[in-house]
Amino acid sequence: MSGSDTHTTRTSPLPLPPATVVQLLEQEEARAIQRLASSLHRLEHDVLAAVELRARIRRHPFLATGLGAALGFAAAPLAPRILRWIVTAASGLPHLAARMPVGVACLVLASVRGARARR
């Protein structure tokens, strides 16, 4: 291999240096925005890879099942309180203010009616 084989050529010319301070600031702002956008794009992919639970569940199915059961056992006493809070928060809406749902089935029906009314 000769030294000329490793030589690379530029396809675009080098940008001219900015003539004024305003042009310099605009150029630096554009670079900063571009770098920020690429950083956010990389961060998005990194977060999605870190939060991806499917692979972890496939590697440790018994641990995932045990954690799910433990969380369900711990959250079960909180579920009626959360549903009651949702109903009282939703009772201010004009669609649900007429009748307060009593059970879970009524809550589901009221939420479906509310969603249908918003369309």
Protein backbone atom coordinates (compact mmCIF):
# COMPACT_ATOMS: atom_id res chain seq x y z
CA MET A 1 0.00 0.00 0.00
CA SER A 2 1.36 3.35 -0.92
CA GLY A 3 0.85 6.62 0.94
CA SER A 4 -1.46 7.91 -1.79
CA ASP A 5 -3.99 5.12 -1.11
CA THR A 6 -4.63 6.34 2.41
CA HIS A 7 -5.16 9.96 1.35
CA THR A 8 -8.77 11.09 1.70
CA THR A 9 -10.31 13.97 -0.15
CA ARG A 10 -12.97 16.34 1.12
CA THR A 11 -16.19 16.50 -0.81
CA SER A 12 -17.26 19.87 0.63
CA PRO A 13 -15.07 22.93 0.91
CA LEU A 14 -14.12 24.29 4.31
CA PRO A 15 -16.56 26.95 5.51
CA LEU A 16 -15.33 30.50 5.43
CA PRO A 17 -14.66 32.10 8.78
CA PRO A 18 -17.44 34.45 9.89
CA ALA A 19 -16.92 38.08 8.93
CA THR A 20 -18.87 39.63 11.79
CA VAL A 21 -19.59 38.83 15.40
CA VAL A 22 -23.25 38.26 14.57
CA GLN A 23 -22.36 35.64 11.96
CA LEU A 24 -20.02 33.96 14.45
CA LEU A 25 -22.75 33.83 17.07
CA GLU A 26 -25.29 32.47 14.59
CA GLN A 27 -22.83 29.81 13.45
CA GLU A 28 -22.04 28.78 17.02
CA GLU A 29 -25.73 28.73 17.90
CA ALA A 30 -26.44 26.46 14.93
CA ARG A 31 -23.63 24.12 15.98
CA ALA A 32 -24.87 24.06 19.57
CA ILE A 33 -28.42 23.25 18.46
CA GLN A 34 -27.15 20.48 16.19
CA ARG A 35 -25.02 18.97 18.97
CA LEU A 36 -27.89 19.21 21.44
CA ALA A 37 -30.24 17.48 19.01
CA SER A 38 -27.77 14.67 18.40
CA SER A 39 -27.17 14.30 22.16
CA LEU A 40 -30.92 14.05 22.80
CA HIS A 41 -31.26 11.50 20.01
CA ARG A 42 -28.49 9.36 21.55
CA LEU A 43 -30.02 9.80 25.02
CA GLU A 44 -33.38 8.62 23.72
CA HIS A 45 -31.84 5.41 22.37
CA ASP A 46 -29.84 4.88 25.57
CA VAL A 47 -32.89 5.32 27.78
CA LEU A 48 -34.96 2.98 25.62
CA ALA A 49 -32.22 0.37 25.80
CA ALA A 50 -31.95 0.74 29.58
CA VAL A 51 -35.71 0.54 30.14
CA GLU A 52 -36.24 -2.41 27.77
CA LEU A 53 -37.74 -5.00 30.10
CA ARG A 54 -38.46 -7.79 27.64
CA ALA A 55 -34.88 -9.01 27.48
CA ARG A 56 -34.50 -8.86 31.25
CA ILE A 57 -37.74 -10.75 31.79
CA ARG A 58 -36.64 -13.42 29.29
CA ARG A 59 -33.32 -13.79 31.12
CA HIS A 60 -34.89 -13.98 34.60
CA PRO A 61 -38.52 -15.13 34.30
CA PHE A 62 -38.86 -16.36 37.89
CA LEU A 63 -37.46 -13.15 39.34
CA ALA A 64 -39.81 -11.10 37.15
CA THR A 65 -42.79 -13.21 38.24
CA GLY A 66 -41.84 -12.87 41.91
CA LEU A 67 -41.38 -9.11 41.65
CA GLY A 68 -44.70 -8.77 39.84
CA ALA A 69 -46.48 -10.76 42.53
CA ALA A 70 -44.81 -8.76 45.32
CA LEU A 71 -45.72 -5.45 43.69
CA GLY A 72 -49.28 -6.64 43.15
CA PHE A 73 -49.53 -7.71 46.80
CA ALA A 74 -48.17 -4.34 47.97
CA ALA A 75 -50.33 -2.27 45.60
CA ALA A 76 -53.60 -4.15 46.17
CA PRO A 77 -54.60 -2.15 49.29
CA LEU A 78 -53.86 1.09 47.41
CA ALA A 79 -56.03 0.25 44.38
CA PRO A 80 -59.42 1.17 45.96
CA ARG A 81 -58.00 4.46 47.24
CA ILE A 82 -56.56 5.28 43.81
CA LEU A 83 -59.85 4.39 42.08
CA ARG A 84 -61.76 6.54 44.58
CA TRP A 85 -59.35 9.42 43.93
CA ILE A 86 -59.82 9.04 40.16
CA VAL A 87 -63.60 9.04 40.54
CA THR A 88 -63.60 12.16 42.70
CA ALA A 89 -61.20 13.90 40.32
CA ALA A 90 -63.32 12.92 37.33
CA SER A 91 -66.58 13.91 39.03
CA GLY A 92 -65.84 17.53 38.18
CA LEU A 93 -66.22 16.72 34.49
CA PRO A 94 -69.66 17.50 33.11
CA HIS A 95 -70.02 14.01 31.60
CA LEU A 96 -69.47 12.18 34.86
CA ALA A 97 -70.97 14.67 37.29
CA ALA A 98 -74.50 13.39 36.75
CA ARG A 99 -73.85 9.93 38.18
CA MET A 100 -71.00 8.91 40.42
CA PRO A 101 -69.84 5.37 39.55
CA VAL A 102 -70.11 2.96 42.46
CA GLY A 103 -68.17 -0.11 41.36
CA VAL A 104 -65.26 -0.88 39.08
CA ALA A 105 -67.57 -1.87 36.24
CA CYS A 106 -69.41 1.45 36.53
CA LEU A 107 -66.06 3.26 36.57
CA VAL A 108 -65.02 1.54 33.34
CA LEU A 109 -68.35 2.37 31.70
CA ALA A 110 -68.12 6.00 32.80
CA SER A 111 -64.58 6.33 31.46
CA VAL A 112 -65.61 4.81 28.12
CA ARG A 113 -68.56 7.23 27.93
CA GLY A 114 -66.25 10.13 28.75
CA ALA A 115 -63.74 9.08 26.11
CA ARG A 116 -66.49 8.65 23.55
CA ALA A 117 -67.91 12.08 24.37
CA ARG A 118 -64.50 13.75 23.81
CA ARG A 119 -64.30 12.46 20.25
